[in-house]
Amino acid sequence: MPIDYSKWVKGCVVGRRDWTDDLFSLQVEAPAVKFTPGQFGRLALPIDDQMVGRPYSFVNSPVENTPHEFYIVRVDVGPLSPRLAKLETDDAIYMAPRPNGFFCLTEVPPGETLWCLSTGTALGPFMSFLRTADPWPRFRNIVFVHACRFARELSYRDMIQRIKAAHPDQFQYLPFVSREDTDGAIRGRIPDAIRDGRLEARAGLKLDAATAQCMLCGNPDMVADTTTILEERGLKKNKRKEPGHITVETYW
């Protein structure tokens, strides 16, 4: 059967940024696609007479007049990923018309400190909502943690610095690097640094049920291990019918 293009929004790649050999961002002009910060869209290409798509979180903020942006890890297997890695400016790309996902601030109960814990390319949804006005009146403190294997993978630091400059008394950026010593970064994994107190010591804040809301987005091991440690501290998973402290999205 021929591809039904009416089910897709045709977009155009208007920018590209290569962070490392394996990490890149695509800027896509597709203004018909509207989203809530924290949601993911579906990028797709026509391959062998079918539309092949995969979800990626929006990095851009919907309140800024910028193209949609997606942070992507290069994968050299499968039909779609190698083709995405080769896209350049002016190439066509398709998007599903309706984004999905509930990893949004509207799903998070009130708290004193918002802990944003991410690994790898999962920093995307945080970059999206931290550039809106939504979190700043709701939380006294916002701690953004981005964990990678190597320092060169700590992407979007220019954007993070702009967020810090706009909210110097509320916002902290705490990078983690697991496989090498890096100036300014905590060595190791997020759950280990919670268990041994290094994360709280660096932030100068307590991570407890009385004050914290935690949003976890990243690889399944980080999400599972961190959730276990937080539950040991008395925090509980956040559900619509039973508000808690831990909102998660596995990003793999």
Protein backbone atom coordinates (compact mmCIF):
# COMPACT_ATOMS: atom_id res chain seq x y z
CA MET A 1 0.00 0.00 0.00
CA PRO A 2 1.21 3.53 -0.70
CA ILE A 3 2.08 5.78 2.24
CA ASP A 4 -0.82 7.92 3.48
CA TYR A 5 0.96 11.24 3.79
CA SER A 6 -2.22 12.90 5.09
CA LYS A 7 -1.51 11.33 8.49
CA TRP A 8 1.79 13.19 8.80
CA VAL A 9 3.00 16.78 8.93
CA LYS A 10 5.76 17.50 6.45
CA GLY A 11 8.61 19.44 8.00
CA CYS A 12 12.00 20.70 6.95
CA VAL A 13 15.37 20.44 8.65
CA VAL A 14 16.48 24.05 9.15
CA GLY A 15 19.48 23.44 11.40
CA ARG A 16 21.81 20.81 12.76
CA ARG A 17 24.34 20.75 15.59
CA ASP A 18 26.83 17.93 16.10
CA TRP A 19 27.88 17.72 19.74
CA THR A 20 30.09 14.63 19.43
CA ASP A 21 30.53 11.88 16.85
CA ASP A 22 27.47 10.16 18.34
CA LEU A 23 25.26 13.02 19.53
CA PHE A 24 23.52 15.60 17.38
CA SER A 25 20.50 17.90 17.36
CA LEU A 26 18.09 18.61 14.55
CA GLN A 27 16.03 21.76 14.23
CA VAL A 28 12.81 21.08 12.33
CA GLU A 29 10.41 23.66 10.94
CA ALA A 30 6.92 22.22 11.40
CA PRO A 31 4.77 24.96 12.97
CA ALA A 32 1.54 22.96 12.64
CA VAL A 33 2.73 20.62 15.42
CA LYS A 34 1.84 21.99 18.86
CA PHE A 35 3.00 20.46 22.15
CA THR A 36 3.24 20.84 25.91
CA PRO A 37 6.76 21.04 27.39
CA GLY A 38 7.87 17.57 28.44
CA GLN A 39 6.02 15.78 25.65
CA PHE A 40 7.60 13.87 22.79
CA GLY A 41 6.95 14.03 19.07
CA ARG A 42 7.41 11.33 16.47
CA LEU A 43 9.98 11.92 13.73
CA ALA A 44 9.59 9.83 10.60
CA LEU A 45 10.92 9.22 7.12
CA PRO A 46 9.44 7.28 4.19
CA ILE A 47 11.42 4.04 3.90
CA ASP A 48 10.57 1.12 1.59
CA ASP A 49 7.01 2.30 0.94
CA GLN A 50 6.17 2.86 4.59
CA MET A 51 6.55 5.68 7.08
CA VAL A 52 9.01 4.69 9.79
CA GLY A 53 8.89 6.81 12.93
CA ARG A 54 10.33 7.00 16.42
CA PRO A 55 9.56 9.24 19.43
CA TYR A 56 11.90 12.04 20.47
CA SER A 57 11.33 14.66 23.17
CA PHE A 58 11.06 18.31 22.25
CA VAL A 59 14.04 20.35 23.44
CA ASN A 60 12.63 23.69 22.34
CA SER A 61 10.11 25.70 24.33
CA PRO A 62 6.67 26.28 22.81
CA VAL A 63 6.67 29.89 24.01
CA GLU A 64 9.74 30.78 21.97
CA ASN A 65 9.50 31.49 18.27
CA THR A 66 12.01 28.82 17.29
CA PRO A 67 11.91 25.60 15.26
CA HIS A 68 11.25 22.32 16.99
CA GLU A 69 14.47 20.77 18.26
CA PHE A 70 15.37 17.17 19.03
CA TYR A 71 18.48 15.77 20.72
CA ILE A 72 19.44 12.43 19.19
CA VAL A 73 22.03 9.72 19.74
CA ARG A 74 23.43 8.19 16.57
CA VAL A 75 22.57 4.50 16.20
CA ASP A 76 24.01 2.65 13.23
CA VAL A 77 21.41 -0.12 13.16
CA GLY A 78 17.76 -0.14 12.14
CA PRO A 79 16.06 1.57 9.22
CA LEU A 80 15.47 5.05 10.70
CA SER A 81 18.35 6.07 12.98
CA PRO A 82 21.16 5.91 10.39
CA ARG A 83 19.06 8.03 8.02
CA LEU A 84 18.31 10.63 10.68
CA ALA A 85 22.03 10.90 11.38
CA LYS A 86 22.64 11.85 7.73
CA LEU A 87 20.01 14.59 7.48
CA GLU A 88 21.20 18.07 6.61
CA THR A 89 19.64 21.52 6.25
CA ASP A 90 16.75 21.66 3.73
CA ASP A 91 16.08 17.91 3.92
CA ALA A 92 12.46 16.86 4.35
CA ILE A 93 11.32 15.09 7.50
CA TYR A 94 7.88 14.14 8.77
CA MET A 95 6.22 14.47 12.17
CA ALA A 96 3.14 12.94 13.72
CA PRO A 97 0.55 15.71 14.17
CA ARG A 98 -0.16 15.03 17.84
CA PRO A 99 2.63 14.78 20.44
CA ASN A 100 2.25 12.45 23.40
CA GLY A 101 3.45 11.95 26.94
CA PHE A 102 2.68 13.05 30.49
CA PHE A 103 6.17 13.99 31.69
CA CYS A 104 4.93 17.55 32.18
CA LEU A 105 4.89 20.03 35.06
CA THR A 106 1.10 19.97 35.11
CA GLU A 107 1.40 16.40 36.41
CA VAL A 108 3.76 17.35 39.27
CA PRO A 109 2.36 18.29 42.72
CA PRO A 110 3.61 21.35 44.60
CA GLY A 111 6.90 21.27 46.48
CA GLU A 112 9.73 23.43 47.72
CA THR A 113 12.52 21.97 45.57
CA LEU A 114 12.17 20.46 42.10
CA TRP A 115 14.90 17.91 41.39
CA CYS A 116 15.30 17.33 37.63
CA LEU A 117 17.40 14.18 37.21
CA SER A 118 18.43 13.21 33.67
CA THR A 119 20.91 11.07 31.77
CA GLY A 120 22.19 11.45 28.21
CA THR A 121 19.73 12.76 25.65
CA ALA A 122 16.96 12.74 28.26
CA LEU A 123 17.86 16.30 29.21
CA GLY A 124 15.53 17.34 26.36
CA PRO A 125 12.18 17.66 28.18
CA PHE A 126 13.82 19.59 31.02
CA MET A 127 15.33 22.08 28.60
CA SER A 128 11.86 22.55 27.15
CA PHE A 129 9.97 23.46 30.32
CA LEU A 130 12.84 25.22 32.13
CA ARG A 131 12.67 27.89 29.40
CA THR A 132 9.05 28.65 30.18
CA ALA A 133 7.63 30.72 33.02
CA ASP A 134 5.82 27.72 34.52
CA PRO A 135 8.29 26.24 37.05
CA TRP A 136 9.68 29.39 38.62
CA PRO A 137 6.66 30.60 40.67
CA ARG A 138 5.94 27.01 41.78
CA PHE A 139 9.29 26.03 43.30
CA ARG A 140 11.70 27.92 45.52
CA ASN A 141 14.64 25.84 44.24
CA ILE A 142 15.21 23.96 40.99
CA VAL A 143 18.16 21.57 40.71
CA PHE A 144 18.97 20.25 37.25
CA VAL A 145 21.20 17.16 37.12
CA HIS A 146 22.59 15.87 33.83
CA ALA A 147 24.63 12.65 33.91
CA CYS A 148 26.83 11.36 31.09
CA ARG A 149 29.73 8.99 30.62
CA PHE A 150 32.23 11.60 29.38
CA ALA A 151 32.57 15.36 29.77
CA ARG A 152 32.22 15.91 26.02
CA GLU A 153 28.65 14.57 26.28
CA LEU A 154 27.52 17.39 28.60
CA SER A 155 25.60 19.16 25.85
CA TYR A 156 23.46 22.32 25.89
CA ARG A 157 25.66 24.04 28.46
CA ASP A 158 25.19 27.37 26.68
CA MET A 159 21.43 27.06 27.10
CA ILE A 160 21.82 25.94 30.71
CA GLN A 161 23.93 29.00 31.44
CA ARG A 162 21.20 31.25 30.03
CA ILE A 163 18.67 29.60 32.33
CA LYS A 164 21.05 30.15 35.25
CA ALA A 165 21.54 33.80 34.31
CA ALA A 166 17.77 34.33 34.20
CA HIS A 167 17.18 32.64 37.58
CA PRO A 168 20.43 32.93 39.56
CA ASP A 169 18.86 32.53 43.00
CA GLN A 170 16.64 29.57 42.14
CA PHE A 171 18.51 27.40 39.67
CA GLN A 172 21.44 25.01 40.10
CA TYR A 173 23.11 22.89 37.42
CA LEU A 174 24.93 19.81 38.72
CA PRO A 175 26.65 17.74 36.01
CA PHE A 176 27.70 14.14 36.56
CA VAL A 177 30.39 12.27 34.62
CA SER A 178 30.79 8.56 35.31
CA ARG A 179 33.95 7.51 33.45
CA GLU A 180 36.43 10.33 33.98
CA ASP A 181 37.26 13.09 36.43
CA THR A 182 35.90 16.44 35.25
CA ASP A 183 36.25 19.87 36.81
CA GLY A 184 32.93 20.95 38.30
CA ALA A 185 31.24 17.58 37.81
CA ILE A 186 30.39 14.86 40.31
CA ARG A 187 32.10 11.57 39.44
CA GLY A 188 29.78 8.56 39.31
CA ARG A 189 26.09 7.74 39.01
CA ILE A 190 23.08 9.68 40.27
CA PRO A 191 21.67 6.98 42.58
CA ASP A 192 25.03 6.40 44.24
CA ALA A 193 25.43 10.13 44.91
CA ILE A 194 21.99 10.25 46.50
CA ARG A 195 22.69 7.25 48.69
CA ASP A 196 26.03 8.56 49.98
CA GLY A 197 24.87 12.18 50.34
CA ARG A 198 27.12 13.79 47.73
CA LEU A 199 24.24 15.17 45.67
CA GLU A 200 22.60 16.91 48.62
CA ALA A 201 25.97 18.19 49.83
CA ARG A 202 26.72 19.76 46.44
CA ALA A 203 23.25 21.28 46.15
CA GLY A 204 23.11 22.42 49.77
CA LEU A 205 19.54 21.11 49.93
CA LYS A 206 17.77 18.15 51.51
CA LEU A 207 16.18 15.56 49.25
CA ASP A 208 13.28 14.38 51.39
CA ALA A 209 9.53 13.86 51.28
CA ALA A 210 8.84 17.09 53.17
CA THR A 211 10.27 19.37 50.48
CA ALA A 212 11.08 17.47 47.27
CA GLN A 213 9.46 16.80 43.96
CA CYS A 214 11.65 14.60 41.74
CA MET A 215 11.37 14.20 37.99
CA LEU A 216 13.46 11.32 36.61
CA CYS A 217 14.10 10.94 32.90
CA GLY A 218 16.77 8.69 31.43
CA ASN A 219 18.04 5.18 31.05
CA PRO A 220 16.02 2.47 32.80
CA ASP A 221 18.76 1.57 35.30
CA MET A 222 19.05 5.14 36.55
CA VAL A 223 15.30 5.53 36.82
CA ALA A 224 14.81 2.20 38.62
CA ASP A 225 17.78 2.55 41.00
CA THR A 226 17.01 6.16 41.87
CA THR A 227 13.35 5.39 42.45
CA THR A 228 14.30 2.61 44.86
CA ILE A 229 16.59 4.88 46.87
CA LEU A 230 14.01 7.68 47.00
CA GLU A 231 11.33 5.26 48.15
CA GLU A 232 13.67 4.12 50.93
CA ARG A 233 13.67 7.77 52.05
CA GLY A 234 9.89 7.88 52.24
CA LEU A 235 9.15 9.44 48.85
CA LYS A 236 6.51 7.71 46.74
CA LYS A 237 5.63 7.53 43.06
CA ASN A 238 3.38 10.26 41.76
CA LYS A 239 0.02 9.11 40.39
CA ARG A 240 -2.91 11.17 39.20
CA LYS A 241 -5.27 9.68 41.78
CA GLU A 242 -2.58 9.48 44.46
CA PRO A 243 -0.13 12.41 44.30
CA GLY A 244 3.44 11.62 45.32
CA HIS A 245 6.99 12.86 44.91
CA ILE A 246 8.52 10.84 42.03
CA THR A 247 7.50 11.45 38.41
CA VAL A 248 9.34 9.25 35.89
CA GLU A 249 9.87 8.68 32.21
CA THR A 250 12.13 5.92 30.91
CA TYR A 251 14.06 7.25 27.95
CA TRP A 252 15.68 4.54 25.89
